[in-house]
Protein backbone atom coordinates (compact mmCIF):
# COMPACT_ATOMS: atom_id res chain seq x y z
CA UNK A 1 55.80 -264.93 37.92
CA UNK A 2 58.81 -264.97 35.58
CA UNK A 3 61.41 -265.50 38.34
CA UNK A 4 59.28 -268.30 39.76
CA UNK A 5 59.12 -270.04 36.37
CA UNK A 6 62.87 -269.68 35.80
CA UNK A 7 63.65 -270.94 39.29
CA UNK A 8 61.29 -273.87 38.89
CA UNK A 9 62.86 -274.91 35.60
CA UNK A 10 66.36 -274.64 37.10
CA UNK A 11 65.43 -276.79 40.11
CA UNK A 12 63.57 -279.41 38.07
CA UNK A 13 66.21 -279.62 35.39
CA UNK A 14 69.00 -280.00 37.92
CA UNK A 15 67.09 -282.60 39.94
CA UNK A 16 66.24 -284.71 36.90
CA UNK A 17 69.85 -284.92 35.75
CA UNK A 18 71.34 -285.40 39.22
CA UNK A 19 69.00 -288.18 40.32
CA UNK A 20 69.77 -291.78 39.25
CA UNK A 21 68.80 -292.66 35.72
CA UNK A 22 70.18 -292.32 32.24
CA UNK A 23 68.40 -289.96 29.84
CA UNK A 24 70.35 -291.43 26.95
CA UNK A 25 68.84 -294.86 27.64
CA UNK A 26 65.39 -293.28 27.48
CA UNK A 27 66.26 -291.87 24.07
CA UNK A 28 67.85 -294.93 22.48
CA UNK A 29 66.01 -297.65 24.42
CA UNK A 30 67.34 -300.64 26.30
CA UNK A 31 68.86 -302.25 23.23
CA UNK A 32 72.62 -302.48 22.94
CA UNK A 33 74.05 -299.66 20.84
CA UNK A 34 77.55 -298.72 19.92
CA UNK A 35 79.43 -296.08 21.93
CA UNK A 36 79.58 -293.96 18.79
CA UNK A 37 75.80 -293.98 18.45
CA UNK A 38 75.33 -293.05 22.12
CA UNK A 39 77.81 -290.21 21.70
CA UNK A 40 75.93 -288.99 18.63
CA UNK A 41 72.68 -288.94 20.60
CA UNK A 42 74.36 -287.03 23.44
CA UNK A 43 75.69 -284.42 21.02
CA UNK A 44 72.38 -284.23 19.13
CA UNK A 45 70.45 -283.32 22.28
CA UNK A 46 73.24 -281.33 23.91
CA UNK A 47 73.41 -283.64 26.93
CA UNK A 48 77.16 -283.10 27.24
CA UNK A 49 76.71 -279.37 27.77
CA UNK A 50 76.92 -277.94 31.30
CA UNK A 51 73.63 -277.91 33.21
CA UNK A 52 73.34 -274.07 33.12
CA UNK A 53 73.68 -274.14 29.33
CA UNK A 54 70.99 -276.83 29.03
CA UNK A 55 68.69 -274.85 31.33
CA UNK A 56 69.19 -271.69 29.28
CA UNK A 57 68.44 -273.57 26.06
CA UNK A 58 65.28 -275.05 27.55
CA UNK A 59 64.07 -271.64 28.76
CA UNK A 60 64.72 -270.18 25.31
CA UNK A 61 62.69 -272.98 23.69
CA UNK A 62 59.92 -272.49 26.23
CA UNK A 63 59.77 -268.79 25.39
CA UNK A 64 58.96 -269.89 21.83
CA UNK A 65 56.31 -272.32 23.14
CA UNK A 66 58.47 -275.36 22.40
CA UNK A 67 58.28 -277.95 25.17
CA UNK A 68 60.45 -280.47 23.35
CA UNK A 69 59.66 -284.00 22.20
CA UNK A 70 59.02 -287.12 24.22
CA UNK A 71 61.93 -289.55 24.23
CA UNK A 72 59.54 -292.49 24.43
CA UNK A 73 56.71 -291.66 22.01
CA UNK A 74 58.66 -289.14 19.87
CA UNK A 75 55.60 -286.88 20.00
CA UNK A 76 55.75 -283.19 20.94
CA UNK A 77 55.26 -282.76 24.69
CA UNK A 78 52.66 -280.05 24.13
CA UNK A 79 50.59 -282.45 22.02
CA UNK A 80 50.67 -284.99 24.85
CA UNK A 81 49.59 -282.33 27.36
CA UNK A 82 46.72 -281.20 25.13
CA UNK A 83 45.63 -284.83 24.73
CA UNK A 84 45.53 -285.55 28.47
CA UNK A 85 44.51 -282.13 29.78
CA UNK A 86 40.72 -282.32 29.11
CA UNK A 87 40.48 -285.48 31.24
CA UNK A 88 42.32 -283.87 34.16
CA UNK A 89 40.25 -280.69 33.86
CA UNK A 90 37.03 -282.69 34.12
CA UNK A 91 38.41 -284.61 37.09
CA UNK A 92 39.52 -281.35 38.74
CA UNK A 93 36.08 -279.81 38.21
CA UNK A 94 34.49 -282.87 39.80
CA UNK A 95 36.85 -282.45 42.74
CA UNK A 96 36.01 -278.74 43.00
CA UNK A 97 32.30 -279.58 43.01
CA UNK A 98 32.72 -281.84 46.04
CA UNK A 99 35.15 -279.43 47.67
CA UNK A 100 32.76 -276.48 47.48
CA UNK A 101 29.55 -278.40 48.09
CA UNK A 102 30.72 -280.51 51.02
CA UNK A 103 33.72 -278.62 52.36
CA UNK A 104 32.26 -275.11 52.52
CA UNK A 105 28.78 -276.27 53.51
CA UNK A 106 30.14 -278.46 56.30
CA UNK A 107 32.24 -275.60 57.61
CA UNK A 108 29.26 -273.23 57.70
CA UNK A 109 27.05 -275.79 59.44
CA UNK A 110 29.81 -276.57 61.93
CA UNK A 111 30.24 -272.87 62.79
CA UNK A 112 26.55 -272.06 63.02
CA UNK A 113 25.85 -275.13 65.16
CA UNK A 114 29.08 -275.15 67.16
CA UNK A 115 29.45 -277.66 69.98
CA UNK A 116 26.47 -279.67 68.73
CA UNK A 117 26.29 -283.15 67.24
CA UNK A 118 26.61 -281.68 63.72
CA UNK A 119 29.78 -279.83 64.69
CA UNK A 120 31.24 -282.99 66.19
CA UNK A 121 30.38 -285.05 63.10
CA UNK A 122 32.12 -282.55 60.82
CA UNK A 123 35.19 -282.51 63.08
CA UNK A 124 35.47 -286.30 63.20
CA UNK A 125 34.93 -286.60 59.44
CA UNK A 126 37.63 -284.00 58.79
CA UNK A 127 40.11 -285.85 61.00
CA UNK A 128 39.41 -289.13 59.21
CA UNK A 129 39.81 -287.62 55.74
CA UNK A 130 43.04 -285.83 56.65
CA UNK A 131 44.51 -288.96 58.24
CA UNK A 132 43.67 -291.35 55.40
CA UNK A 133 46.00 -291.54 52.37
CA UNK A 134 44.30 -290.86 49.06
CA UNK A 135 45.11 -294.27 47.58
CA UNK A 136 43.69 -296.03 50.65
CA UNK A 137 40.44 -294.05 50.49
CA UNK A 138 40.23 -294.74 46.77
CA UNK A 139 40.53 -298.50 47.22
CA UNK A 140 38.00 -298.48 50.09
CA UNK A 141 35.45 -296.62 47.97
CA UNK A 142 36.10 -298.92 45.03
CA UNK A 143 35.37 -301.96 47.19
CA UNK A 144 32.41 -300.78 49.24
CA UNK A 145 30.70 -298.38 46.84
CA UNK A 146 31.87 -299.58 43.46
CA UNK A 147 31.56 -303.31 44.15
CA UNK A 148 29.37 -303.91 47.21
CA UNK A 149 26.81 -301.28 46.20
CA UNK A 150 27.21 -301.66 42.44
CA UNK A 151 23.61 -302.76 41.91
CA UNK A 152 22.30 -299.86 44.02
CA UNK A 153 24.46 -296.91 42.92
CA UNK A 154 25.96 -298.22 39.71
CA UNK A 155 29.15 -296.18 40.01
CA UNK A 156 32.15 -297.36 37.96
CA UNK A 157 35.41 -297.97 39.83
CA UNK A 158 37.89 -297.57 36.98
CA UNK A 159 38.26 -295.92 33.59
CA UNK A 160 36.05 -293.38 31.87
CA UNK A 161 33.68 -295.62 29.94
CA UNK A 162 30.50 -294.41 31.67
CA UNK A 163 30.76 -290.67 31.13
CA UNK A 164 30.14 -288.28 33.99
CA UNK A 165 29.47 -291.14 36.44
CA UNK A 166 33.09 -292.18 36.02
CA UNK A 167 34.25 -288.95 37.69
CA UNK A 168 32.13 -289.21 40.87
CA UNK A 169 34.32 -291.53 42.95
CA UNK A 170 37.70 -290.18 41.77
CA UNK A 171 36.45 -286.60 42.12
CA UNK A 172 35.47 -287.23 45.73
CA UNK A 173 38.78 -288.95 46.47
CA UNK A 174 40.75 -286.15 44.82
CA UNK A 175 39.02 -283.53 46.98
CA UNK A 176 38.91 -285.56 50.20
CA UNK A 177 41.86 -284.03 52.06
CA UNK A 178 41.06 -280.52 50.82
CA UNK A 179 37.43 -280.89 51.92
CA UNK A 180 38.60 -281.54 55.47
CA UNK A 181 40.88 -278.50 55.51
CA UNK A 182 38.27 -276.24 53.92
CA UNK A 183 35.61 -277.34 56.41
CA UNK A 184 37.86 -276.57 59.38
CA UNK A 185 39.08 -273.30 57.85
CA UNK A 186 35.54 -272.16 57.04
CA UNK A 187 34.41 -272.98 60.57
CA UNK A 188 37.29 -271.04 62.16
CA UNK A 189 36.97 -267.94 59.98
CA UNK A 190 33.18 -267.82 60.26
CA UNK A 191 33.28 -268.13 64.05
CA UNK A 192 35.78 -265.26 64.19
CA UNK A 193 33.63 -263.13 61.88
CA UNK A 194 30.47 -263.78 63.89
CA UNK A 195 32.15 -262.04 66.84
CA UNK A 196 32.90 -258.87 64.83
CA UNK A 197 31.26 -255.52 65.71
CA UNK A 198 29.47 -255.14 62.37
CA UNK A 199 27.80 -258.52 62.85
CA UNK A 200 26.52 -257.48 66.28
CA UNK A 201 25.27 -254.26 64.71
CA UNK A 202 23.43 -256.22 62.01
CA UNK A 203 21.74 -258.31 64.68
CA UNK A 204 20.85 -255.21 66.68
CA UNK A 205 19.13 -253.79 63.58
CA UNK A 206 16.72 -256.71 63.70
CA UNK A 207 17.98 -258.68 60.71
CA UNK A 208 17.22 -262.38 60.66
CA UNK A 209 20.03 -264.72 61.64
CA UNK A 210 20.08 -266.12 58.10
CA UNK A 211 20.65 -262.66 56.60
CA UNK A 212 23.27 -261.83 59.21
CA UNK A 213 25.23 -264.98 58.40
CA UNK A 214 24.85 -265.06 54.62
CA UNK A 215 24.98 -261.32 53.79
CA UNK A 216 27.42 -260.05 56.40
CA UNK A 217 29.48 -262.74 58.12
CA UNK A 218 29.92 -265.48 55.51
CA UNK A 219 31.03 -263.20 52.68
CA UNK A 220 33.92 -261.78 54.69
CA UNK A 221 34.79 -265.17 56.12
CA UNK A 222 35.16 -266.51 52.57
CA UNK A 223 38.39 -264.67 51.71
CA UNK A 224 40.87 -267.18 53.21
CA UNK A 225 38.65 -270.04 52.03
CA UNK A 226 38.62 -268.74 48.45
CA UNK A 227 42.41 -268.52 48.58
CA UNK A 228 42.68 -272.15 49.63
CA UNK A 229 40.10 -273.35 47.10
CA UNK A 230 41.70 -271.44 44.24
CA UNK A 231 45.12 -272.87 44.95
CA UNK A 232 43.56 -276.30 45.35
CA UNK A 233 42.29 -276.16 41.78
CA UNK A 234 45.84 -275.64 40.58
CA UNK A 235 46.93 -278.52 42.80
CA UNK A 236 44.17 -280.73 41.40
CA UNK A 237 45.38 -280.10 37.86
CA UNK A 238 48.87 -281.31 38.66
CA UNK A 239 48.56 -283.36 41.81
CA UNK A 240 46.10 -286.03 40.72
CA UNK A 241 48.82 -288.63 40.21
CA UNK A 242 47.61 -291.06 42.88
CA UNK A 243 43.93 -290.59 42.08
CA UNK A 244 44.40 -291.08 38.34
CA UNK A 245 46.58 -294.13 38.98
CA UNK A 246 44.15 -295.80 41.40
CA UNK A 247 41.15 -295.22 39.12
CA UNK A 248 43.08 -295.80 35.87
CA UNK A 249 42.30 -292.35 34.48
CA UNK A 250 44.51 -291.23 31.56
CA UNK A 251 45.12 -287.63 32.61
CA UNK A 252 48.05 -285.30 33.28
CA UNK A 253 48.91 -286.96 36.58
CA UNK A 254 49.09 -290.40 34.99
CA UNK A 255 51.20 -288.98 32.15
CA UNK A 256 53.61 -287.45 34.67
CA UNK A 257 53.85 -290.68 36.68
CA UNK A 258 54.52 -292.77 33.57
CA UNK A 259 57.13 -290.27 32.34
CA UNK A 260 58.97 -290.34 35.67
CA UNK A 261 59.03 -294.13 35.55
CA UNK A 262 60.46 -294.20 32.01
CA UNK A 263 62.83 -291.29 32.68
CA UNK A 264 61.23 -289.28 29.90
CA UNK A 265 62.73 -285.99 31.10
CA UNK A 266 61.24 -283.72 28.46
CA UNK A 267 57.70 -284.79 29.35
CA UNK A 268 58.39 -284.50 33.08
CA UNK A 269 59.75 -281.00 32.59
CA UNK A 270 56.99 -279.95 30.22
CA UNK A 271 54.14 -281.17 32.42
CA UNK A 272 55.72 -279.74 35.57
CA UNK A 273 56.30 -276.31 34.03
CA UNK A 274 52.76 -276.29 32.62
CA UNK A 275 51.33 -277.11 36.06
CA UNK A 276 53.40 -274.33 37.66
CA UNK A 277 52.11 -271.86 35.04
CA UNK A 278 48.51 -272.87 35.75
CA UNK A 279 49.13 -272.61 39.48
CA UNK A 280 50.54 -269.10 39.16
CA UNK A 281 47.70 -267.86 36.94
CA UNK A 282 45.11 -269.24 39.35
CA UNK A 283 46.95 -267.63 42.26
CA UNK A 284 46.82 -264.28 40.46
CA UNK A 285 43.11 -264.71 39.70
CA UNK A 286 42.42 -265.46 43.38
CA UNK A 287 44.25 -262.30 44.43
CA UNK A 288 42.19 -260.22 42.03
CA UNK A 289 38.98 -261.88 43.22
CA UNK A 290 39.58 -260.48 46.71
CA UNK A 291 38.29 -257.11 45.53
CA UNK A 292 34.99 -258.71 44.55
CA UNK A 293 34.50 -260.36 47.93
CA UNK A 294 35.66 -257.45 50.10
CA UNK A 295 34.81 -253.90 48.96
CA UNK A 296 37.57 -252.56 51.22
CA UNK A 297 40.15 -254.13 48.93
CA UNK A 298 40.90 -252.18 45.76
CA UNK A 299 43.68 -252.49 43.22
CA UNK A 300 44.92 -249.41 41.37
């Protein structure tokens, strides 16, 4: 995990200072300032040092849990992350709810009833969700569900003013593409597992088809699905930029998008590194969870 973090910081830091944009302008604002003042700001933040030196200094600060300060708000980056993180976590949990409920369930139904109308409906739905950009789906749902069916469903289309109901539409949109992939992946793995010898043995022993599927086939078919879902949660925490922008949700993704627009490099770096850390921890947890799903896997 440590080499990944160091490499990520090096790539992000280099990209931010190579791409067009002036970090000094972000620090001093658009107002006209004297060359002497600009030079003082550059020296104060070490912006005239070579990139490797700046990267090393940032890694050293990160090791002491210092993410730096925002050039725009002058607040510590960690405080901004802590302020926005609960919103993104709730949105990610809403997305995980739809991902597990609809994605996994659809995949199981599609595998059990292969080549039927249900299987075809799941396949067509998956193709539509994969093909449709998130921001397009978000606007469509805002119009037809949030506005056209407002009196029937009463779902808000923007903001967080109505509590848990505010997360239903954005949660579904956030999980839409992943639901399609999970449904297809669950179908494929379950169909492969249903052809295994131990499944035929379970059927030969006289077990009901429900017990054969749920107790024997589905559990082993879950391993690749759990991997995908676990990594998706990490992606939800950092990849909700479009969803949070479309639905005007003040979370981590919106913070990252705003910081990129204002060239607030410290916030961009801090949020990105935090997301990578979360992603790596979740990836490790998923690996360890394999042993729970499959007794043949043991870690010593």
